[in-house]
Amino acid sequence: MGILDRIFGGHGGGHGSSHGHGNSHGYGGSPSGHDWGRNPAPSSSGIPCPQCKAINPQGSRFCSQCAASLVPASCAKCGSVVQTGAKFCAQCGNAVI
């Protein structure tokens, strides 16, 4: 086997066909075993909790894992949507309670 075959896909050949690239080491993960170190694709089937990141069914008002509100807060003074964790409204500067 040439050097280029070894670098670019020489995983077969005379060394056997099993090099541990599957899910055989007990690490868990995807069935393909080739997404190590990557985050899973975001799910579009639910609402992610801003606090614990759990996926909740569409239309939920509270997280089913930590009970955080899933409804965006609004400023009492101007009615603008206030980001989660903000202490002041980004539009009018009013303190968020």
PDB file of N, CA and C in Angstrom:
ATOM      1  N   MET A   1       0.852  -1.168   0.000  1.00  0.00           N
ATOM      2  CA  MET A   1       0.000   0.000   0.000  1.00  0.00           C
ATOM      3  C   MET A   1       0.898   1.231   0.000  1.00  0.00           C
ATOM      4  N   GLY A   2       0.601   2.190  -0.879  1.00  0.00           N
ATOM      5  CA  GLY A   2       1.397   3.395  -0.985  1.00  0.00           C
ATOM      6  C   GLY A   2       1.085   4.383   0.123  1.00  0.00           C
ATOM      7  N   ILE A   3       1.944   5.377   0.262  1.00  0.00           N
ATOM      8  CA  ILE A   3       1.779   6.382   1.317  1.00  0.00           C
ATOM      9  C   ILE A   3       0.487   7.171   1.148  1.00  0.00           C
ATOM     10  N   LEU A   4       0.116   7.497  -0.107  1.00  0.00           N
ATOM     11  CA  LEU A   4      -1.130   8.245  -0.327  1.00  0.00           C
ATOM     12  C   LEU A   4      -2.350   7.398   0.010  1.00  0.00           C
ATOM     13  N   ASP A   5      -2.279   6.110  -0.271  1.00  0.00           N
ATOM     14  CA  ASP A   5      -3.388   5.227   0.105  1.00  0.00           C
ATOM     15  C   ASP A   5      -3.541   5.170   1.621  1.00  0.00           C
ATOM     16  N   ARG A   6      -2.448   5.178   2.338  1.00  0.00           N
ATOM     17  CA  ARG A   6      -2.507   5.152   3.800  1.00  0.00           C
ATOM     18  C   ARG A   6      -3.082   6.446   4.358  1.00  0.00           C
ATOM     19  N   ILE A   7      -2.729   7.575   3.749  1.00  0.00           N
ATOM     20  CA  ILE A   7      -3.200   8.877   4.240  1.00  0.00           C
ATOM     21  C   ILE A   7      -4.658   9.116   3.868  1.00  0.00           C
ATOM     22  N   PHE A   8      -5.005   8.799   2.627  1.00  0.00           N
ATOM     23  CA  PHE A   8      -6.332   9.144   2.122  1.00  0.00           C
ATOM     24  C   PHE A   8      -7.278   7.957   2.041  1.00  0.00           C
ATOM     25  N   GLY A   9      -7.346   7.165   3.043  1.00  0.00           N
ATOM     26  CA  GLY A   9      -8.384   6.147   3.073  1.00  0.00           C
ATOM     27  C   GLY A   9      -7.888   4.732   2.987  1.00  0.00           C
ATOM     28  N   GLY A  10      -6.704   4.471   3.349  1.00  0.00           N
ATOM     29  CA  GLY A  10      -6.219   3.108   3.341  1.00  0.00           C
ATOM     30  C   GLY A  10      -6.644   2.367   4.580  1.00  0.00           C
ATOM     31  N   HIS A  11      -7.924   2.408   4.927  1.00  0.00           N
ATOM     32  CA  HIS A  11      -8.403   1.742   6.133  1.00  0.00           C
ATOM     33  C   HIS A  11      -8.726   0.285   5.900  1.00  0.00           C
ATOM     34  N   GLY A  12      -8.645  -0.182   4.693  1.00  0.00           N
ATOM     35  CA  GLY A  12      -8.893  -1.590   4.408  1.00  0.00           C
ATOM     36  C   GLY A  12      -7.549  -2.266   4.243  1.00  0.00           C
ATOM     37  N   GLY A  13      -7.447  -3.113   3.273  1.00  0.00           N
ATOM     38  CA  GLY A  13      -6.155  -3.686   2.923  1.00  0.00           C
ATOM     39  C   GLY A  13      -5.702  -4.755   3.893  1.00  0.00           C
ATOM     40  N   GLY A  14      -4.398  -4.875   4.047  1.00  0.00           N
ATOM     41  CA  GLY A  14      -3.819  -5.960   4.798  1.00  0.00           C
ATOM     42  C   GLY A  14      -3.864  -5.825   6.298  1.00  0.00           C
ATOM     43  N   HIS A  15      -4.388  -4.769   6.827  1.00  0.00           N
ATOM     44  CA  HIS A  15      -4.396  -4.563   8.275  1.00  0.00           C
ATOM     45  C   HIS A  15      -5.718  -4.933   8.918  1.00  0.00           C
ATOM     46  N   GLY A  16      -6.633  -5.484   8.161  1.00  0.00           N
ATOM     47  CA  GLY A  16      -7.949  -5.789   8.705  1.00  0.00           C
ATOM     48  C   GLY A  16      -8.863  -4.604   8.474  1.00  0.00           C
ATOM     49  N   SER A  17     -10.139  -4.815   8.577  1.00  0.00           N
ATOM     50  CA  SER A  17     -11.066  -3.736   8.251  1.00  0.00           C
ATOM     51  C   SER A  17     -11.612  -3.039   9.476  1.00  0.00           C
ATOM     52  N   SER A  18     -11.264  -3.450  10.660  1.00  0.00           N
ATOM     53  CA  SER A  18     -11.795  -2.820  11.864  1.00  0.00           C
ATOM     54  C   SER A  18     -10.694  -2.038  12.569  1.00  0.00           C
ATOM     55  N   HIS A  19     -10.826  -0.721  12.538  1.00  0.00           N
ATOM     56  CA  HIS A  19      -9.857   0.145  13.200  1.00  0.00           C
ATOM     57  C   HIS A  19     -10.484   0.920  14.348  1.00  0.00           C
ATOM     58  N   GLY A  20     -11.680   0.533  14.769  1.00  0.00           N
ATOM     59  CA  GLY A  20     -12.303   1.188  15.913  1.00  0.00           C
ATOM     60  C   GLY A  20     -12.971   2.497  15.591  1.00  0.00           C
ATOM     61  N   HIS A  21     -13.369   2.701  14.331  1.00  0.00           N
ATOM     62  CA  HIS A  21     -14.003   3.966  13.984  1.00  0.00           C
ATOM     63  C   HIS A  21     -15.492   3.952  14.240  1.00  0.00           C
ATOM     64  N   GLY A  22     -16.075   2.856  14.548  1.00  0.00           N
ATOM     65  CA  GLY A  22     -17.505   2.795  14.815  1.00  0.00           C
ATOM     66  C   GLY A  22     -17.777   3.162  16.253  1.00  0.00           C
ATOM     67  N   ASN A  23     -18.800   2.597  16.793  1.00  0.00           N
ATOM     68  CA  ASN A  23     -19.197   2.876  18.164  1.00  0.00           C
ATOM     69  C   ASN A  23     -18.798   1.708  19.045  1.00  0.00           C
ATOM     70  N   SER A  24     -17.612   1.153  18.843  1.00  0.00           N
ATOM     71  CA  SER A  24     -17.233  -0.068  19.530  1.00  0.00           C
ATOM     72  C   SER A  24     -16.462   0.167  20.824  1.00  0.00           C
ATOM     73  N   HIS A  25     -16.135   1.397  21.158  1.00  0.00           N
ATOM     74  CA  HIS A  25     -15.337   1.668  22.350  1.00  0.00           C
ATOM     75  C   HIS A  25     -16.179   2.022  23.573  1.00  0.00           C
ATOM     76  N   GLY A  26     -17.498   2.047  23.409  1.00  0.00           N
ATOM     77  CA  GLY A  26     -18.357   2.337  24.543  1.00  0.00           C
ATOM     78  C   GLY A  26     -18.439   3.816  24.885  1.00  0.00           C
ATOM     79  N   TYR A  27     -18.118   4.692  23.940  1.00  0.00           N
ATOM     80  CA  TYR A  27     -18.166   6.123  24.211  1.00  0.00           C
ATOM     81  C   TYR A  27     -19.544   6.712  23.985  1.00  0.00           C
ATOM     82  N   GLY A  28     -20.468   5.976  23.421  1.00  0.00           N
ATOM     83  CA  GLY A  28     -21.784   6.512  23.101  1.00  0.00           C
ATOM     84  C   GLY A  28     -21.693   7.318  21.830  1.00  0.00           C
ATOM     85  N   GLY A  29     -22.628   8.195  21.601  1.00  0.00           N
ATOM     86  CA  GLY A  29     -22.563   9.053  20.431  1.00  0.00           C
ATOM     87  C   GLY A  29     -23.444   8.531  19.320  1.00  0.00           C
ATOM     88  N   SER A  30     -23.191   9.031  18.126  1.00  0.00           N
ATOM     89  CA  SER A  30     -24.032   8.689  17.002  1.00  0.00           C
ATOM     90  C   SER A  30     -23.674   7.320  16.456  1.00  0.00           C
ATOM     91  N   PRO A  31     -24.588   6.700  15.720  1.00  0.00           N
ATOM     92  CA  PRO A  31     -24.296   5.398  15.143  1.00  0.00           C
ATOM     93  C   PRO A  31     -23.114   5.441  14.175  1.00  0.00           C
ATOM     94  N   SER A  32     -22.907   6.568  13.467  1.00  0.00           N
ATOM     95  CA  SER A  32     -21.791   6.634  12.535  1.00  0.00           C
ATOM     96  C   SER A  32     -20.467   6.798  13.260  1.00  0.00           C
ATOM     97  N   GLY A  33     -20.488   7.393  14.428  1.00  0.00           N
ATOM     98  CA  GLY A  33     -19.273   7.564  15.206  1.00  0.00           C
ATOM     99  C   GLY A  33     -18.347   8.637  14.670  1.00  0.00           C
ATOM    100  N   HIS A  34     -18.816   9.449  13.705  1.00  0.00           N
ATOM    101  CA  HIS A  34     -17.937  10.439  13.105  1.00  0.00           C
ATOM    102  C   HIS A  34     -18.324  11.867  13.459  1.00  0.00           C
ATOM    103  N   ASP A  35     -18.972  12.106  14.582  1.00  0.00           N
ATOM    104  CA  ASP A  35     -19.314  13.468  14.982  1.00  0.00           C
ATOM    105  C   ASP A  35     -18.715  13.815  16.332  1.00  0.00           C
ATOM    106  N   TRP A  36     -17.568  13.232  16.628  1.00  0.00           N
ATOM    107  CA  TRP A  36     -16.911  13.481  17.901  1.00  0.00           C
ATOM    108  C   TRP A  36     -16.597  14.944  18.061  1.00  0.00           C
ATOM    109  N   GLY A  37     -16.922  15.509  19.230  1.00  0.00           N
ATOM    110  CA  GLY A  37     -16.595  16.895  19.530  1.00  0.00           C
ATOM    111  C   GLY A  37     -17.548  17.906  18.934  1.00  0.00           C
ATOM    112  N   ARG A  38     -18.586  17.456  18.246  1.00  0.00           N
ATOM    113  CA  ARG A  38     -19.533  18.393  17.659  1.00  0.00           C
ATOM    114  C   ARG A  38     -20.811  18.385  18.472  1.00  0.00           C
ATOM    115  N   ASN A  39     -21.496  19.521  18.465  1.00  0.00           N
ATOM    116  CA  ASN A  39     -22.781  19.606  19.150  1.00  0.00           C
ATOM    117  C   ASN A  39     -23.855  19.020  18.266  1.00  0.00           C
ATOM    118  N   PRO A  40     -24.904  18.453  18.841  1.00  0.00           N
ATOM    119  CA  PRO A  40     -25.982  17.945  18.021  1.00  0.00           C
ATOM    120  C   PRO A  40     -26.699  19.081  17.309  1.00  0.00           C
ATOM    121  N   ALA A  41     -27.314  18.767  16.189  1.00  0.00           N
ATOM    122  CA  ALA A  41     -28.043  19.777  15.427  1.00  0.00           C
ATOM    123  C   ALA A  41     -29.223  20.265  16.251  1.00  0.00           C
ATOM    124  N   PRO A  42     -29.478  21.579  16.226  1.00  0.00           N
ATOM    125  CA  PRO A  42     -30.610  22.084  16.998  1.00  0.00           C
ATOM    126  C   PRO A  42     -31.919  21.508  16.464  1.00  0.00           C
ATOM    127  N   SER A  43     -32.801  21.212  17.364  1.00  0.00           N
ATOM    128  CA  SER A  43     -34.081  20.639  16.991  1.00  0.00           C
ATOM    129  C   SER A  43     -35.059  21.755  16.669  1.00  0.00           C
ATOM    130  N   SER A  44     -35.777  21.617  15.575  1.00  0.00           N
ATOM    131  CA  SER A  44     -36.764  22.624  15.212  1.00  0.00           C
ATOM    132  C   SER A  44     -38.155  22.193  15.662  1.00  0.00           C
ATOM    133  N   SER A  45     -38.234  21.110  16.428  1.00  0.00           N
ATOM    134  CA  SER A  45     -39.530  20.595  16.838  1.00  0.00           C
ATOM    135  C   SER A  45     -39.974  21.105  18.198  1.00  0.00           C
ATOM    136  N   GLY A  46     -39.228  22.000  18.808  1.00  0.00           N
ATOM    137  CA  GLY A  46     -39.614  22.502  20.114  1.00  0.00           C
ATOM    138  C   GLY A  46     -38.950  23.823  20.442  1.00  0.00           C
ATOM    139  N   ILE A  47     -39.211  24.287  21.643  1.00  0.00           N
ATOM    140  CA  ILE A  47     -38.674  25.563  22.113  1.00  0.00           C
ATOM    141  C   ILE A  47     -37.547  25.281  23.105  1.00  0.00           C
ATOM    142  N   PRO A  48     -36.325  25.770  22.835  1.00  0.00           N
ATOM    143  CA  PRO A  48     -35.249  25.563  23.804  1.00  0.00           C
ATOM    144  C   PRO A  48     -35.413  26.507  25.000  1.00  0.00           C
ATOM    145  N   CYS A  49     -35.198  25.984  26.186  1.00  0.00           N
ATOM    146  CA  CYS A  49     -35.279  26.795  27.399  1.00  0.00           C
ATOM    147  C   CYS A  49     -34.064  27.722  27.462  1.00  0.00           C
ATOM    148  N   PRO A  50     -34.256  29.016  27.730  1.00  0.00           N
ATOM    149  CA  PRO A  50     -33.121  29.928  27.816  1.00  0.00           C
ATOM    150  C   PRO A  50     -32.240  29.672  29.036  1.00  0.00           C
ATOM    151  N   GLN A  51     -32.766  28.965  30.033  1.00  0.00           N
ATOM    152  CA  GLN A  51     -32.012  28.715  31.262  1.00  0.00           C
ATOM    153  C   GLN A  51     -31.278  27.381  31.236  1.00  0.00           C
ATOM    154  N   CYS A  52     -31.998  26.270  30.961  1.00  0.00           N
ATOM    155  CA  CYS A  52     -31.368  24.941  31.033  1.00  0.00           C
ATOM    156  C   CYS A  52     -31.175  24.285  29.673  1.00  0.00           C
ATOM    157  N   LYS A  53     -31.662  24.904  28.612  1.00  0.00           N
ATOM    158  CA  LYS A  53     -31.519  24.436  27.222  1.00  0.00           C
ATOM    159  C   LYS A  53     -32.320  23.182  26.892  1.00  0.00           C
ATOM    160  N   ALA A  54     -33.235  22.757  27.766  1.00  0.00           N
ATOM    161  CA  ALA A  54     -34.097  21.609  27.471  1.00  0.00           C
ATOM    162  C   ALA A  54     -35.064  21.995  26.353  1.00  0.00           C
ATOM    163  N   ILE A  55     -35.405  21.032  25.496  1.00  0.00           N
ATOM    164  CA  ILE A  55     -36.349  21.271  24.410  1.00  0.00           C
ATOM    165  C   ILE A  55     -37.760  21.009  24.930  1.00  0.00           C
ATOM    166  N   ASN A  56     -38.639  21.984  24.729  1.00  0.00           N
ATOM    167  CA  ASN A  56     -40.019  21.901  25.201  1.00  0.00           C
ATOM    168  C   ASN A  56     -40.966  21.928  24.012  1.00  0.00           C
ATOM    169  N   PRO A  57     -42.161  21.344  24.143  1.00  0.00           N
ATOM    170  CA  PRO A  57     -43.129  21.341  23.036  1.00  0.00           C
ATOM    171  C   PRO A  57     -43.531  22.759  22.636  1.00  0.00           C
ATOM    172  N   GLN A  58     -43.851  22.925  21.340  1.00  0.00           N
ATOM    173  CA  GLN A  58     -44.333  24.223  20.854  1.00  0.00           C
ATOM    174  C   GLN A  58     -45.551  24.652  21.660  1.00  0.00           C
ATOM    175  N   GLY A  59     -45.652  25.913  21.968  1.00  0.00           N
ATOM    176  CA  GLY A  59     -46.778  26.442  22.723  1.00  0.00           C
ATOM    177  C   GLY A  59     -46.587  26.411  24.234  1.00  0.00           C
ATOM    178  N   SER A  60     -45.507  25.827  24.703  1.00  0.00           N
ATOM    179  CA  SER A  60     -45.252  25.766  26.148  1.00  0.00           C
ATOM    180  C   SER A  60     -44.969  27.166  26.680  1.00  0.00           C
ATOM    181  N   ARG A  61     -45.456  27.439  27.874  1.00  0.00           N
ATOM    182  CA  ARG A  61     -45.193  28.726  28.514  1.00  0.00           C
ATOM    183  C   ARG A  61     -44.098  28.627  29.561  1.00  0.00           C
ATOM    184  N   PHE A  62     -43.885  27.410  30.093  1.00  0.00           N
ATOM    185  CA  PHE A  62     -42.862  27.178  31.102  1.00  0.00           C
ATOM    186  C   PHE A  62     -42.070  25.935  30.742  1.00  0.00           C
ATOM    187  N   CYS A  63     -40.793  25.900  31.105  1.00  0.00           N
ATOM    188  CA  CYS A  63     -39.924  24.760  30.837  1.00  0.00           C
ATOM    189  C   CYS A  63     -40.374  23.566  31.674  1.00  0.00           C
ATOM    190  N   SER A  64     -40.427  22.404  31.048  1.00  0.00           N
ATOM    191  CA  SER A  64     -40.840  21.190  31.758  1.00  0.00           C
ATOM    192  C   SER A  64     -39.731  20.636  32.650  1.00  0.00           C
ATOM    193  N   GLN A  65     -38.494  21.136  32.533  1.00  0.00           N
ATOM    194  CA  GLN A  65     -37.376  20.655  33.340  1.00  0.00           C
ATOM    195  C   GLN A  65     -37.053  21.578  34.515  1.00  0.00           C
ATOM    196  N   CYS A  66     -37.071  22.909  34.281  1.00  0.00           N
ATOM    197  CA  CYS A  66     -36.657  23.833  35.351  1.00  0.00           C
ATOM    198  C   CYS A  66     -37.700  24.897  35.681  1.00  0.00           C
ATOM    199  N   ALA A  67     -38.830  24.883  35.003  1.00  0.00           N
ATOM    200  CA  ALA A  67     -39.953  25.797  35.232  1.00  0.00           C
ATOM    201  C   ALA A  67     -39.669  27.254  34.881  1.00  0.00           C
ATOM    202  N   ALA A  68     -38.586  27.524  34.126  1.00  0.00           N
ATOM    203  CA  ALA A  68     -38.314  28.895  33.684  1.00  0.00           C
ATOM    204  C   ALA A  68     -39.368  29.316  32.667  1.00  0.00           C
ATOM    205  N   SER A  69     -39.678  30.584  32.624  1.00  0.00           N
ATOM    206  CA  SER A  69     -40.649  31.100  31.672  1.00  0.00           C
ATOM    207  C   SER A  69     -40.083  31.030  30.260  1.00  0.00           C
ATOM    208  N   LEU A  70     -40.895  30.552  29.314  1.00  0.00           N
ATOM    209  CA  LEU A  70     -40.507  30.495  27.913  1.00  0.00           C
ATOM    210  C   LEU A  70     -41.117  31.637  27.118  1.00  0.00           C
ATOM    211  N   VAL A  71     -41.929  32.458  27.785  1.00  0.00           N
ATOM    212  CA  VAL A  71     -42.558  33.610  27.156  1.00  0.00           C
ATOM    213  C   VAL A  71     -41.625  34.803  27.322  1.00  0.00           C
ATOM    214  N   PRO A  72     -41.285  35.490  26.215  1.00  0.00           N
ATOM    215  CA  PRO A  72     -40.380  36.633  26.337  1.00  0.00           C
ATOM    216  C   PRO A  72     -40.969  37.719  27.241  1.00  0.00           C
ATOM    217  N   ALA A  73     -40.135  38.282  28.064  1.00  0.00           N
ATOM    218  CA  ALA A  73     -40.567  39.370  28.945  1.00  0.00           C
ATOM    219  C   ALA A  73     -40.690  40.650  28.128  1.00  0.00           C
ATOM    220  N   SER A  74     -41.561  41.535  28.561  1.00  0.00           N
ATOM    221  CA  SER A  74     -41.697  42.818  27.889  1.00  0.00           C
ATOM    222  C   SER A  74     -41.513  43.938  28.903  1.00  0.00           C
ATOM    223  N   CYS A  75     -41.028  45.053  28.421  1.00  0.00           N
ATOM    224  CA  CYS A  75     -40.779  46.216  29.270  1.00  0.00           C
ATOM    225  C   CYS A  75     -42.111  46.810  29.732  1.00  0.00           C
ATOM    226  N   ALA A  76     -42.218  47.110  31.007  1.00  0.00           N
ATOM    227  CA  ALA A  76     -43.444  47.672  31.566  1.00  0.00           C
ATOM    228  C   ALA A  76     -43.673  49.105  31.080  1.00  0.00           C
ATOM    229  N   LYS A  77     -42.606  49.799  30.681  1.00  0.00           N
ATOM    230  CA  LYS A  77     -42.727  51.193  30.272  1.00  0.00           C
ATOM    231  C   LYS A  77     -43.039  51.342  28.781  1.00  0.00           C
ATOM    232  N   CYS A  78     -42.264  50.644  27.909  1.00  0.00           N
ATOM    233  CA  CYS A  78     -42.431  50.851  26.463  1.00  0.00           C
ATOM    234  C   CYS A  78     -42.996  49.633  25.732  1.00  0.00           C
ATOM    235  N   GLY A  79     -43.049  48.466  26.387  1.00  0.00           N
ATOM    236  CA  GLY A  79     -43.617  47.277  25.776  1.00  0.00           C
ATOM    237  C   GLY A  79     -42.668  46.487  24.885  1.00  0.00           C
ATOM    238  N   SER A  80     -41.400  46.896  24.770  1.00  0.00           N
ATOM    239  CA  SER A  80     -40.428  46.178  23.948  1.00  0.00           C
ATOM    240  C   SER A  80     -40.076  44.840  24.589  1.00  0.00           C
ATOM    241  N   VAL A  81     -39.695  43.883  23.754  1.00  0.00           N
ATOM    242  CA  VAL A  81     -39.250  42.583  24.252  1.00  0.00           C
ATOM    243  C   VAL A  81     -37.898  42.781  24.922  1.00  0.00           C
ATOM    244  N   VAL A  82     -37.754  42.222  26.127  1.00  0.00           N
ATOM    245  CA  VAL A  82     -36.529  42.348  26.910  1.00  0.00           C
ATOM    246  C   VAL A  82     -35.804  41.004  26.870  1.00  0.00           C
ATOM    247  N   GLN A  83     -34.507  41.025  26.562  1.00  0.00           N
ATOM    248  CA  GLN A  83     -33.730  39.789  26.520  1.00  0.00           C
ATOM    249  C   GLN A  83     -33.677  39.140  27.895  1.00  0.00           C
ATOM    250  N   THR A  84     -33.595  37.805  27.891  1.00  0.00           N
ATOM    251  CA  THR A  84     -33.487  37.047  29.131  1.00  0.00           C
ATOM    252  C   THR A  84     -32.224  37.465  29.877  1.00  0.00           C
ATOM    253  N   GLY A  85     -32.355  37.781  31.145  1.00  0.00           N
ATOM    254  CA  GLY A  85     -31.224  38.151  31.980  1.00  0.00           C
ATOM    255  C   GLY A  85     -30.879  39.628  31.964  1.00  0.00           C
ATOM    256  N   ALA A  86     -31.550  40.410  31.104  1.00  0.00           N
ATOM    257  CA  ALA A  86     -31.264  41.846  31.031  1.00  0.00           C
ATOM    258  C   ALA A  86     -31.777  42.546  32.284  1.00  0.00           C
ATOM    259  N   LYS A  87     -31.026  43.544  32.733  1.00  0.00           N
ATOM    260  CA  LYS A  87     -31.431  44.319  33.904  1.00  0.00           C
ATOM    261  C   LYS A  87     -32.140  45.605  33.514  1.00  0.00           C
ATOM    262  N   PHE A  88     -31.920  46.030  32.248  1.00  0.00           N
ATOM    263  CA  PHE A  88     -32.538  47.252  31.755  1.00  0.00           C
ATOM    264  C   PHE A  88     -33.053  47.025  30.344  1.00  0.00           C
ATOM    265  N   CYS A  89     -34.121  47.722  29.975  1.00  0.00           N
ATOM    266  CA  CYS A  89     -34.686  47.667  28.636  1.00  0.00           C
ATOM    267  C   CYS A  89     -33.698  48.294  27.664  1.00  0.00           C
ATOM    268  N   ALA A  90     -33.452  47.629  26.537  1.00  0.00           N
ATOM    269  CA  ALA A  90     -32.516  48.134  25.529  1.00  0.00           C
ATOM    270  C   ALA A  90     -33.107  49.306  24.733  1.00  0.00           C
ATOM    271  N   GLN A  91     -34.418  49.518  24.776  1.00  0.00           N
ATOM    272  CA  GLN A  91     -35.046  50.584  24.022  1.00  0.00           C
ATOM    273  C   GLN A  91     -35.214  51.875  24.811  1.00  0.00           C
ATOM    274  N   CYS A  92     -35.632  51.756  26.086  1.00  0.00           N
ATOM    275  CA  CYS A  92     -35.919  52.975  26.860  1.00  0.00           C
ATOM    276  C   CYS A  92     -35.070  53.099  28.123  1.00  0.00           C
ATOM    277  N   GLY A  93     -34.338  52.052  28.498  1.00  0.00           N
ATOM    278  CA  GLY A  93     -33.487  52.115  29.677  1.00  0.00           C
ATOM    279  C   GLY A  93     -34.187  51.869  30.987  1.00  0.00           C
ATOM    280  N   ASN A  94     -35.456  51.530  30.958  1.00  0.00           N
ATOM    281  CA  ASN A  94     -36.215  51.265  32.168  1.00  0.00           C
ATOM    282  C   ASN A  94     -35.663  50.018  32.866  1.00  0.00           C
ATOM    283  N   ALA A  95     -35.614  50.050  34.184  1.00  0.00           N
ATOM    284  CA  ALA A  95     -35.143  48.882  34.951  1.00  0.00           C
ATOM    285  C   ALA A  95     -36.165  47.752  34.816  1.00  0.00           C
ATOM    286  N   VAL A  96     -35.653  46.546  34.564  1.00  0.00           N
ATOM    287  CA  VAL A  96     -36.503  45.363  34.438  1.00  0.00           C
ATOM    288  C   VAL A  96     -36.628  44.732  35.814  1.00  0.00           C
ATOM    289  N   ILE A  97     -37.834  44.406  36.189  1.00  0.00           N
ATOM    290  CA  ILE A  97     -38.067  43.807  37.511  1.00  0.00           C
ATOM    291  C   ILE A  97     -37.984  42.322  37.406  1.00  0.00           C
TER     292      ILE A  97
END
